[in-house]
């Protein structure tokens, strides 16, 4: 087809997909191109603006490495991550809700024993967590893999601290016991801003948005016969619960982080200063047959 204009280019592109051997890929590409073309026409996109968009995406890719995923951050802050999570993680009544994965998970977190101190010296007020992993009827799920990670009191994950190298802290992987319990020590989460030193941060600032996430701890829970759960537990009272930059807050995921001024911690440690405790139950949905 020759002499294509701004109106005929969309059907011309779609015609090129007729030989696609993957029906799902054809469906996705058809919809993607249709919406992209409609967007460009709707806003009367200029060549300079599109070049700025290309430069933005290029810079986003250039910020990605083994320790930072700027494209996940972009997806999160555009609300796309949470949209995809919501439409793919409808849970039965009573099951713990899912939320965004985030850009700071790693696959080499240490496997630790019950009662371990995950903080590894990370700055923050001590936190003692007593969690249970159960099925919908309340039955304990033994030997579930519970992957935990969080930012420190400075609002930084270990992978954001070059001085740590490959040292891991404020994260770890545990296995639930016969009663479905996992107990560990860490630090109380605090609110923190997502990185603003890259293209996503510049986008947030340019559009008048704040970069803050409410205080939370990440959990990724896997168990045979159950759906994998990716979720957070947020801290009650945080000022950013209603304006999370990545739209990830669910009321059911707000936990009761109880502050104690001093005393005996759940693991028997005598604490001379403040500490927090969190008791949390995670209810996993059965995997489809």
C-alpha atoms as a PDB file:
ATOM      1  CA  UNK A   1       0.000   0.000   0.000  1.00  0.00           C
ATOM      2  CA  UNK A   2       1.362   3.374  -1.043  1.00  0.00           C
ATOM      3  CA  UNK A   3       0.598   6.970  -0.099  1.00  0.00           C
ATOM      4  CA  UNK A   4      -0.224   6.051   3.480  1.00  0.00           C
ATOM      5  CA  UNK A   5      -1.476   8.919   5.643  1.00  0.00           C
ATOM      6  CA  UNK A   6      -2.196   9.350   9.341  1.00  0.00           C
ATOM      7  CA  UNK A   7      -5.580   7.661   9.002  1.00  0.00           C
ATOM      8  CA  UNK A   8      -4.733   4.760   6.692  1.00  0.00           C
ATOM      9  CA  UNK A   9      -1.505   3.700   8.413  1.00  0.00           C
ATOM     10  CA  UNK A  10      -3.318   1.804  11.205  1.00  0.00           C
ATOM     11  CA  UNK A  11      -5.230  -0.613   8.935  1.00  0.00           C
ATOM     12  CA  UNK A  12      -2.088  -0.930   6.808  1.00  0.00           C
ATOM     13  CA  UNK A  13      -0.098  -2.058   9.844  1.00  0.00           C
ATOM     14  CA  UNK A  14      -2.819  -4.450  10.994  1.00  0.00           C
ATOM     15  CA  UNK A  15      -2.864  -6.046   7.544  1.00  0.00           C
ATOM     16  CA  UNK A  16       0.806  -6.939   8.022  1.00  0.00           C
ATOM     17  CA  UNK A  17      -0.153  -9.137  10.983  1.00  0.00           C
ATOM     18  CA  UNK A  18      -2.367 -11.528   9.060  1.00  0.00           C
ATOM     19  CA  UNK A  19       0.413 -14.101   8.753  1.00  0.00           C
ATOM     20  CA  UNK A  20       1.280 -14.090  12.439  1.00  0.00           C
ATOM     21  CA  UNK A  21       1.246 -17.705  13.582  1.00  0.00           C
ATOM     22  CA  UNK A  22       0.613 -16.862  17.229  1.00  0.00           C
ATOM     23  CA  UNK A  23      -3.031 -15.800  17.786  1.00  0.00           C
ATOM     24  CA  UNK A  24      -2.342 -14.292  21.224  1.00  0.00           C
ATOM     25  CA  UNK A  25       0.636 -12.299  19.923  1.00  0.00           C
ATOM     26  CA  UNK A  26      -1.468 -11.090  17.008  1.00  0.00           C
ATOM     27  CA  UNK A  27      -4.210  -9.975  19.399  1.00  0.00           C
ATOM     28  CA  UNK A  28      -1.775  -8.089  21.620  1.00  0.00           C
ATOM     29  CA  UNK A  29       0.063  -6.407  18.740  1.00  0.00           C
ATOM     30  CA  UNK A  30      -3.223  -5.450  17.061  1.00  0.00           C
ATOM     31  CA  UNK A  31      -4.513  -3.765  20.196  1.00  0.00           C
ATOM     32  CA  UNK A  32      -1.154  -2.183  21.053  1.00  0.00           C
ATOM     33  CA  UNK A  33      -0.698  -0.601  17.633  1.00  0.00           C
ATOM     34  CA  UNK A  34      -4.311   0.534  17.452  1.00  0.00           C
ATOM     35  CA  UNK A  35      -4.121   2.293  20.822  1.00  0.00           C
ATOM     36  CA  UNK A  36      -0.691   3.791  20.123  1.00  0.00           C
ATOM     37  CA  UNK A  37      -1.823   5.200  16.791  1.00  0.00           C
ATOM     38  CA  UNK A  38      -5.021   6.536  18.348  1.00  0.00           C
ATOM     39  CA  UNK A  39      -2.998   8.162  21.139  1.00  0.00           C
ATOM     40  CA  UNK A  40      -0.672   9.884  18.644  1.00  0.00           C
ATOM     41  CA  UNK A  41      -3.610  11.235  16.650  1.00  0.00           C
ATOM     42  CA  UNK A  42      -5.570  12.256  19.762  1.00  0.00           C
ATOM     43  CA  UNK A  43      -2.776  14.423  21.214  1.00  0.00           C
ATOM     44  CA  UNK A  44      -1.466  15.541  17.804  1.00  0.00           C
ATOM     45  CA  UNK A  45       1.964  14.199  18.784  1.00  0.00           C
ATOM     46  CA  UNK A  46       4.815  16.214  17.267  1.00  0.00           C
ATOM     47  CA  UNK A  47       8.055  14.753  15.980  1.00  0.00           C
ATOM     48  CA  UNK A  48      10.034  16.520  18.713  1.00  0.00           C
ATOM     49  CA  UNK A  49       7.726  15.119  21.400  1.00  0.00           C
ATOM     50  CA  UNK A  50       8.021  11.589  20.027  1.00  0.00           C
ATOM     51  CA  UNK A  51      11.812  11.916  19.977  1.00  0.00           C
ATOM     52  CA  UNK A  52      11.681  12.988  23.608  1.00  0.00           C
ATOM     53  CA  UNK A  53       9.616   9.888  24.306  1.00  0.00           C
ATOM     54  CA  UNK A  54      12.179   7.678  22.579  1.00  0.00           C
ATOM     55  CA  UNK A  55      14.979   9.319  24.560  1.00  0.00           C
ATOM     56  CA  UNK A  56      13.004   8.774  27.767  1.00  0.00           C
ATOM     57  CA  UNK A  57      12.553   5.061  27.048  1.00  0.00           C
ATOM     58  CA  UNK A  58      16.191   4.743  26.023  1.00  0.00           C
ATOM     59  CA  UNK A  59      17.290   6.349  29.298  1.00  0.00           C
ATOM     60  CA  UNK A  60      14.961   4.037  31.219  1.00  0.00           C
ATOM     61  CA  UNK A  61      16.644   1.001  29.682  1.00  0.00           C
ATOM     62  CA  UNK A  62      20.093   2.420  30.336  1.00  0.00           C
ATOM     63  CA  UNK A  63      19.268   2.717  34.067  1.00  0.00           C
ATOM     64  CA  UNK A  64      18.530  -1.004  34.317  1.00  0.00           C
ATOM     65  CA  UNK A  65      21.097  -3.453  35.635  1.00  0.00           C
ATOM     66  CA  UNK A  66      21.236  -6.528  37.882  1.00  0.00           C
ATOM     67  CA  UNK A  67      20.418  -4.405  40.936  1.00  0.00           C
ATOM     68  CA  UNK A  68      17.942  -1.880  39.560  1.00  0.00           C
ATOM     69  CA  UNK A  69      14.946  -2.295  37.265  1.00  0.00           C
ATOM     70  CA  UNK A  70      13.877   1.126  36.042  1.00  0.00           C
ATOM     71  CA  UNK A  71      11.260  -0.341  33.688  1.00  0.00           C
ATOM     72  CA  UNK A  72       9.493  -2.024  36.625  1.00  0.00           C
ATOM     73  CA  UNK A  73       9.615   1.325  38.419  1.00  0.00           C
ATOM     74  CA  UNK A  74       8.117   2.991  35.343  1.00  0.00           C
ATOM     75  CA  UNK A  75       5.362   0.397  35.130  1.00  0.00           C
ATOM     76  CA  UNK A  76       4.695   0.755  38.863  1.00  0.00           C
ATOM     77  CA  UNK A  77       4.454   4.552  38.843  1.00  0.00           C
ATOM     78  CA  UNK A  78       2.207   4.569  35.771  1.00  0.00           C
ATOM     79  CA  UNK A  79      -0.223   2.311  37.630  1.00  0.00           C
ATOM     80  CA  UNK A  80       0.207  -0.396  35.003  1.00  0.00           C
ATOM     81  CA  UNK A  81       1.791  -2.921  37.367  1.00  0.00           C
ATOM     82  CA  UNK A  82      -1.073  -2.696  39.835  1.00  0.00           C
ATOM     83  CA  UNK A  83      -3.645  -2.843  37.035  1.00  0.00           C
ATOM     84  CA  UNK A  84      -2.123  -6.099  35.761  1.00  0.00           C
ATOM     85  CA  UNK A  85      -1.846  -7.479  39.303  1.00  0.00           C
ATOM     86  CA  UNK A  86      -5.486  -6.631  40.038  1.00  0.00           C
ATOM     87  CA  UNK A  87      -6.890  -8.201  36.899  1.00  0.00           C
ATOM     88  CA  UNK A  88      -4.814 -11.372  37.253  1.00  0.00           C
ATOM     89  CA  UNK A  89      -5.068 -11.977  40.989  1.00  0.00           C
ATOM     90  CA  UNK A  90      -8.718 -12.137  41.870  1.00  0.00           C
ATOM     91  CA  UNK A  91      -8.692 -14.073  45.139  1.00  0.00           C
ATOM     92  CA  UNK A  92     -11.480 -16.010  46.840  1.00  0.00           C
ATOM     93  CA  UNK A  93     -13.012 -14.395  49.897  1.00  0.00           C
ATOM     94  CA  UNK A  94     -10.620 -14.421  52.823  1.00  0.00           C
ATOM     95  CA  UNK A  95      -7.441 -14.992  50.817  1.00  0.00           C
ATOM     96  CA  UNK A  96      -4.647 -12.462  51.254  1.00  0.00           C
ATOM     97  CA  UNK A  97      -4.617  -9.894  48.473  1.00  0.00           C
ATOM     98  CA  UNK A  98      -1.720  -9.466  46.082  1.00  0.00           C
ATOM     99  CA  UNK A  99       0.071  -6.238  45.305  1.00  0.00           C
ATOM    100  CA  UNK A 100       3.010  -5.043  43.223  1.00  0.00           C
ATOM    101  CA  UNK A 101       6.302  -6.935  43.080  1.00  0.00           C
ATOM    102  CA  UNK A 102       8.548  -3.884  43.061  1.00  0.00           C
ATOM    103  CA  UNK A 103      11.998  -3.399  41.514  1.00  0.00           C
ATOM    104  CA  UNK A 104      14.231  -4.496  44.412  1.00  0.00           C
ATOM    105  CA  UNK A 105      13.696  -8.241  44.771  1.00  0.00           C
ATOM    106  CA  UNK A 106      16.760 -10.444  44.294  1.00  0.00           C
ATOM    107  CA  UNK A 107      17.032 -14.169  43.668  1.00  0.00           C
ATOM    108  CA  UNK A 108      20.034 -14.765  45.912  1.00  0.00           C
ATOM    109  CA  UNK A 109      18.564 -13.811  49.290  1.00  0.00           C
ATOM    110  CA  UNK A 110      19.972 -16.014  52.065  1.00  0.00           C
ATOM    111  CA  UNK A 111      18.012 -19.013  53.343  1.00  0.00           C
ATOM    112  CA  UNK A 112      17.699 -18.492  57.099  1.00  0.00           C
ATOM    113  CA  UNK A 113      16.407 -20.443  60.083  1.00  0.00           C
ATOM    114  CA  UNK A 114      13.376 -19.639  62.222  1.00  0.00           C
ATOM    115  CA  UNK A 115      14.046 -16.761  64.579  1.00  0.00           C
ATOM    116  CA  UNK A 116      16.895 -15.369  62.482  1.00  0.00           C
ATOM    117  CA  UNK A 117      17.719 -11.671  62.404  1.00  0.00           C
ATOM    118  CA  UNK A 118      17.191 -10.666  58.780  1.00  0.00           C
ATOM    119  CA  UNK A 119      18.326  -7.083  59.333  1.00  0.00           C
ATOM    120  CA  UNK A 120      22.015  -7.924  59.077  1.00  0.00           C
ATOM    121  CA  UNK A 121      22.881  -4.653  60.766  1.00  0.00           C
ATOM    122  CA  UNK A 122      20.576  -2.461  58.681  1.00  0.00           C
ATOM    123  CA  UNK A 123      19.627   0.755  60.523  1.00  0.00           C
ATOM    124  CA  UNK A 124      16.184   0.756  62.084  1.00  0.00           C
ATOM    125  CA  UNK A 125      14.092  -0.001  65.148  1.00  0.00           C
ATOM    126  CA  UNK A 126      13.954  -3.758  65.858  1.00  0.00           C
ATOM    127  CA  UNK A 127      10.881  -5.603  64.622  1.00  0.00           C
ATOM    128  CA  UNK A 128       9.822  -9.105  65.649  1.00  0.00           C
ATOM    129  CA  UNK A 129       7.484 -10.856  63.217  1.00  0.00           C
ATOM    130  CA  UNK A 130       5.317 -13.869  64.014  1.00  0.00           C
ATOM    131  CA  UNK A 131       3.549 -14.897  60.801  1.00  0.00           C
ATOM    132  CA  UNK A 132       1.376 -17.838  59.859  1.00  0.00           C
ATOM    133  CA  UNK A 133       0.736 -19.280  56.410  1.00  0.00           C
ATOM    134  CA  UNK A 134      -2.616 -21.034  56.178  1.00  0.00           C
ATOM    135  CA  UNK A 135      -5.185 -22.228  53.682  1.00  0.00           C
ATOM    136  CA  UNK A 136      -8.710 -20.804  53.371  1.00  0.00           C
ATOM    137  CA  UNK A 137     -10.042 -23.131  56.063  1.00  0.00           C
ATOM    138  CA  UNK A 138      -7.324 -22.098  58.498  1.00  0.00           C
ATOM    139  CA  UNK A 139      -5.228 -25.224  58.114  1.00  0.00           C
ATOM    140  CA  UNK A 140      -1.504 -24.552  58.490  1.00  0.00           C
ATOM    141  CA  UNK A 141       0.660 -24.807  55.379  1.00  0.00           C
ATOM    142  CA  UNK A 142       3.965 -26.399  56.271  1.00  0.00           C
ATOM    143  CA  UNK A 143       7.192 -25.939  54.307  1.00  0.00           C
ATOM    144  CA  UNK A 144       5.974 -22.830  52.495  1.00  0.00           C
ATOM    145  CA  UNK A 145       8.787 -20.677  51.112  1.00  0.00           C
ATOM    146  CA  UNK A 146       8.497 -17.188  52.587  1.00  0.00           C
ATOM    147  CA  UNK A 147      10.740 -14.626  50.882  1.00  0.00           C
ATOM    148  CA  UNK A 148      10.969 -11.349  52.817  1.00  0.00           C
ATOM    149  CA  UNK A 149      12.628  -8.048  51.869  1.00  0.00           C
ATOM    150  CA  UNK A 150      12.408  -4.396  52.862  1.00  0.00           C
ATOM    151  CA  UNK A 151      14.102  -1.012  52.910  1.00  0.00           C
ATOM    152  CA  UNK A 152      16.109   0.155  55.909  1.00  0.00           C
ATOM    153  CA  UNK A 153      15.504   3.176  58.138  1.00  0.00           C
ATOM    154  CA  UNK A 154      17.220   5.406  55.558  1.00  0.00           C
ATOM    155  CA  UNK A 155      14.698   4.311  52.938  1.00  0.00           C
ATOM    156  CA  UNK A 156      17.246   2.221  51.027  1.00  0.00           C
ATOM    157  CA  UNK A 157      17.317  -1.425  50.018  1.00  0.00           C
ATOM    158  CA  UNK A 158      20.615  -3.251  50.293  1.00  0.00           C
ATOM    159  CA  UNK A 159      21.022  -3.254  46.502  1.00  0.00           C
ATOM    160  CA  UNK A 160      20.886   0.551  46.568  1.00  0.00           C
ATOM    161  CA  UNK A 161      23.994   0.712  48.759  1.00  0.00           C
ATOM    162  CA  UNK A 162      27.142   0.277  46.639  1.00  0.00           C
ATOM    163  CA  UNK A 163      29.274  -0.051  49.771  1.00  0.00           C
ATOM    164  CA  UNK A 164      27.560  -3.364  50.581  1.00  0.00           C
ATOM    165  CA  UNK A 165      28.604  -5.032  47.335  1.00  0.00           C
ATOM    166  CA  UNK A 166      26.854  -8.399  47.209  1.00  0.00           C
ATOM    167  CA  UNK A 167      26.139  -8.445  50.945  1.00  0.00           C
ATOM    168  CA  UNK A 168      22.448  -9.023  51.602  1.00  0.00           C
ATOM    169  CA  UNK A 169      20.595  -7.478  54.511  1.00  0.00           C
ATOM    170  CA  UNK A 170      16.999  -6.723  55.489  1.00  0.00           C
ATOM    171  CA  UNK A 171      15.958  -9.725  53.430  1.00  0.00           C
ATOM    172  CA  UNK A 172      15.899 -13.504  53.698  1.00  0.00           C
ATOM    173  CA  UNK A 173      14.016 -16.685  52.841  1.00  0.00           C
ATOM    174  CA  UNK A 174      12.394 -18.894  55.494  1.00  0.00           C
ATOM    175  CA  UNK A 175      10.417 -22.140  55.503  1.00  0.00           C
ATOM    176  CA  UNK A 176       7.208 -22.399  57.500  1.00  0.00           C
ATOM    177  CA  UNK A 177       7.140 -25.031  60.245  1.00  0.00           C
ATOM    178  CA  UNK A 178       4.514 -27.723  60.818  1.00  0.00           C
ATOM    179  CA  UNK A 179       2.151 -25.102  62.248  1.00  0.00           C
ATOM    180  CA  UNK A 180       2.654 -22.866  59.210  1.00  0.00           C
ATOM    181  CA  UNK A 181       4.627 -20.349  61.266  1.00  0.00           C
ATOM    182  CA  UNK A 182       7.624 -18.233  60.364  1.00  0.00           C
ATOM    183  CA  UNK A 183       9.248 -16.103  63.046  1.00  0.00           C
ATOM    184  CA  UNK A 184      12.061 -13.663  62.450  1.00  0.00           C
ATOM    185  CA  UNK A 185      13.585 -10.415  63.555  1.00  0.00           C
ATOM    186  CA  UNK A 186      14.105  -7.455  61.252  1.00  0.00           C
ATOM    187  CA  UNK A 187      13.521  -3.692  61.448  1.00  0.00           C
ATOM    188  CA  UNK A 188      10.331  -1.650  61.471  1.00  0.00           C
ATOM    189  CA  UNK A 189       9.625  -0.317  57.962  1.00  0.00           C
ATOM    190  CA  UNK A 190       9.516   3.399  57.262  1.00  0.00           C
ATOM    191  CA  UNK A 191       8.174   5.392  54.320  1.00  0.00           C
ATOM    192  CA  UNK A 192      10.669   6.081  51.555  1.00  0.00           C
ATOM    193  CA  UNK A 193      10.829   7.763  48.140  1.00  0.00           C
ATOM    194  CA  UNK A 194      11.375   5.688  45.026  1.00  0.00           C
ATOM    195  CA  UNK A 195      14.586   6.652  43.195  1.00  0.00           C
ATOM    196  CA  UNK A 196      14.319  10.065  41.569  1.00  0.00           C
ATOM    197  CA  UNK A 197      17.796  10.143  40.006  1.00  0.00           C
ATOM    198  CA  UNK A 198      16.623   8.558  36.754  1.00  0.00           C
ATOM    199  CA  UNK A 199      14.041   9.119  34.033  1.00  0.00           C
ATOM    200  CA  UNK A 200      11.138   7.851  36.141  1.00  0.00           C
ATOM    201  CA  UNK A 201      11.997  10.291  38.900  1.00  0.00           C
ATOM    202  CA  UNK A 202      12.176  13.126  36.398  1.00  0.00           C
ATOM    203  CA  UNK A 203       8.761  12.119  35.076  1.00  0.00           C
ATOM    204  CA  UNK A 204       7.276  12.208  38.588  1.00  0.00           C
ATOM    205  CA  UNK A 205       8.697  15.625  39.335  1.00  0.00           C
ATOM    206  CA  UNK A 206       7.678  17.017  35.943  1.00  0.00           C
ATOM    207  CA  UNK A 207       4.083  15.911  36.485  1.00  0.00           C
ATOM    208  CA  UNK A 208       3.865  17.291  40.020  1.00  0.00           C
ATOM    209  CA  UNK A 209       3.748  13.914  41.759  1.00  0.00           C
ATOM    210  CA  UNK A 210       5.502  12.939  44.968  1.00  0.00           C
ATOM    211  CA  UNK A 211       7.775   9.851  44.908  1.00  0.00           C
ATOM    212  CA  UNK A 212       6.841   8.344  48.286  1.00  0.00           C
ATOM    213  CA  UNK A 213       5.828   4.824  49.215  1.00  0.00           C
ATOM    214  CA  UNK A 214       4.205   4.107  52.589  1.00  0.00           C
ATOM    215  CA  UNK A 215       6.162   1.923  55.030  1.00  0.00           C
ATOM    216  CA  UNK A 216       5.895  -1.761  54.159  1.00  0.00           C
ATOM    217  CA  UNK A 217       7.550  -5.172  54.200  1.00  0.00           C
ATOM    218  CA  UNK A 218       7.510  -7.361  51.072  1.00  0.00           C
ATOM    219  CA  UNK A 219       6.463 -11.018  51.145  1.00  0.00           C
ATOM    220  CA  UNK A 220       6.648 -13.569  48.336  1.00  0.00           C
ATOM    221  CA  UNK A 221       5.107 -16.858  49.459  1.00  0.00           C
ATOM    222  CA  UNK A 222       5.173 -20.139  47.563  1.00  0.00           C
ATOM    223  CA  UNK A 223       3.688 -23.482  48.592  1.00  0.00           C
ATOM    224  CA  UNK A 224       2.876 -26.667  46.706  1.00  0.00           C
ATOM    225  CA  UNK A 225      -0.768 -26.804  45.651  1.00  0.00           C
ATOM    226  CA  UNK A 226      -1.360 -23.087  46.240  1.00  0.00           C
ATOM    227  CA  UNK A 227      -1.170 -19.922  44.177  1.00  0.00           C
ATOM    228  CA  UNK A 228       2.018 -17.932  44.669  1.00  0.00           C
ATOM    229  CA  UNK A 229       1.349 -14.771  46.671  1.00  0.00           C
ATOM    230  CA  UNK A 230       3.236 -11.519  46.076  1.00  0.00           C
ATOM    231  CA  UNK A 231       2.207  -8.951  48.637  1.00  0.00           C
ATOM    232  CA  UNK A 232       3.204  -6.289  51.197  1.00  0.00           C
ATOM    233  CA  UNK A 233       2.200  -5.589  54.760  1.00  0.00           C
ATOM    234  CA  UNK A 234       1.842  -1.846  55.258  1.00  0.00           C
ATOM    235  CA  UNK A 235       2.233   0.049  58.510  1.00  0.00           C
ATOM    236  CA  UNK A 236      -0.928   1.532  59.987  1.00  0.00           C
ATOM    237  CA  UNK A 237      -0.896   5.309  60.310  1.00  0.00           C
ATOM    238  CA  UNK A 238       1.583   6.027  57.523  1.00  0.00           C
ATOM    239  CA  UNK A 239       0.906   9.384  55.868  1.00  0.00           C
ATOM    240  CA  UNK A 240       1.280   7.951  52.351  1.00  0.00           C
ATOM    241  CA  UNK A 241      -1.236   5.092  52.598  1.00  0.00           C
ATOM    242  CA  UNK A 242      -3.716   7.062  50.481  1.00  0.00           C
ATOM    243  CA  UNK A 243      -1.198   8.375  47.945  1.00  0.00           C
ATOM    244  CA  UNK A 244       1.228   5.516  47.355  1.00  0.00           C
ATOM    245  CA  UNK A 245       3.247   6.450  44.264  1.00  0.00           C
ATOM    246  CA  UNK A 246       2.738   2.932  42.832  1.00  0.00           C
ATOM    247  CA  UNK A 247      -0.953   2.567  43.835  1.00  0.00           C
ATOM    248  CA  UNK A 248      -0.255  -0.652  45.750  1.00  0.00           C
ATOM    249  CA  UNK A 249      -2.105  -0.175  49.054  1.00  0.00           C
ATOM    250  CA  UNK A 250      -5.000  -2.470  49.964  1.00  0.00           C
ATOM    251  CA  UNK A 251      -6.868  -1.963  53.238  1.00  0.00           C
ATOM    252  CA  UNK A 252      -6.604  -5.670  54.006  1.00  0.00           C
ATOM    253  CA  UNK A 253      -2.805  -5.429  53.834  1.00  0.00           C
ATOM    254  CA  UNK A 254      -2.415  -2.820  56.584  1.00  0.00           C
ATOM    255  CA  UNK A 255      -0.804  -4.553  59.535  1.00  0.00           C
ATOM    256  CA  UNK A 256      -0.714  -3.744  63.234  1.00  0.00           C
ATOM    257  CA  UNK A 257       2.897  -2.885  63.991  1.00  0.00           C
ATOM    258  CA  UNK A 258       2.779  -2.623  67.788  1.00  0.00           C
ATOM    259  CA  UNK A 259       5.358  -0.399  69.451  1.00  0.00           C
ATOM    260  CA  UNK A 260       6.888  -1.391  72.789  1.00  0.00           C
ATOM    261  CA  UNK A 261       9.090   1.013  74.722  1.00  0.00           C
ATOM    262  CA  UNK A 262      11.202  -1.726  76.311  1.00  0.00           C
ATOM    263  CA  UNK A 263      10.841  -5.199  77.736  1.00  0.00           C
ATOM    264  CA  UNK A 264      11.176  -8.826  76.731  1.00  0.00           C
ATOM    265  CA  UNK A 265      10.886  -9.453  73.006  1.00  0.00           C
ATOM    266  CA  UNK A 266       8.996 -12.468  71.634  1.00  0.00           C
ATOM    267  CA  UNK A 267      12.270 -14.373  71.179  1.00  0.00           C
ATOM    268  CA  UNK A 268      13.214 -13.816  74.816  1.00  0.00           C
ATOM    269  CA  UNK A 269      15.661 -10.988  74.194  1.00  0.00           C
ATOM    270  CA  UNK A 270      15.660  -8.269  76.846  1.00  0.00           C
ATOM    271  CA  UNK A 271      15.244  -5.018  74.942  1.00  0.00           C
ATOM    272  CA  UNK A 272      16.451  -1.838  76.625  1.00  0.00           C
ATOM    273  CA  UNK A 273      14.963   0.417  73.965  1.00  0.00           C
ATOM    274  CA  UNK A 274      11.890   0.565  71.716  1.00  0.00           C
ATOM    275  CA  UNK A 275      10.926  -2.317  69.460  1.00  0.00           C
ATOM    276  CA  UNK A 276       7.943  -3.390  67.380  1.00  0.00           C
ATOM    277  CA  UNK A 277       6.023  -6.637  67.009  1.00  0.00           C
ATOM    278  CA  UNK A 278       3.857  -7.789  64.118  1.00  0.00           C
ATOM    279  CA  UNK A 279       1.539 -10.796  64.121  1.00  0.00           C
ATOM    280  CA  UNK A 280       0.303 -11.531  60.624  1.00  0.00           C
ATOM    281  CA  UNK A 281      -1.610 -14.331  58.937  1.00  0.00           C
ATOM    282  CA  UNK A 282      -1.292 -15.021  55.222  1.00  0.00           C
ATOM    283  CA  UNK A 283      -4.100 -16.996  53.616  1.00  0.00           C
ATOM    284  CA  UNK A 284      -3.136 -18.691  50.361  1.00  0.00           C
ATOM    285  CA  UNK A 285      -5.622 -19.542  47.630  1.00  0.00           C
ATOM    286  CA  UNK A 286      -5.653 -23.063  46.261  1.00  0.00           C
ATOM    287  CA  UNK A 287      -4.052 -23.444  42.836  1.00  0.00           C
ATOM    288  CA  UNK A 288      -6.441 -24.420  40.025  1.00  0.00           C
ATOM    289  CA  UNK A 289      -6.555 -28.118  39.230  1.00  0.00           C
END
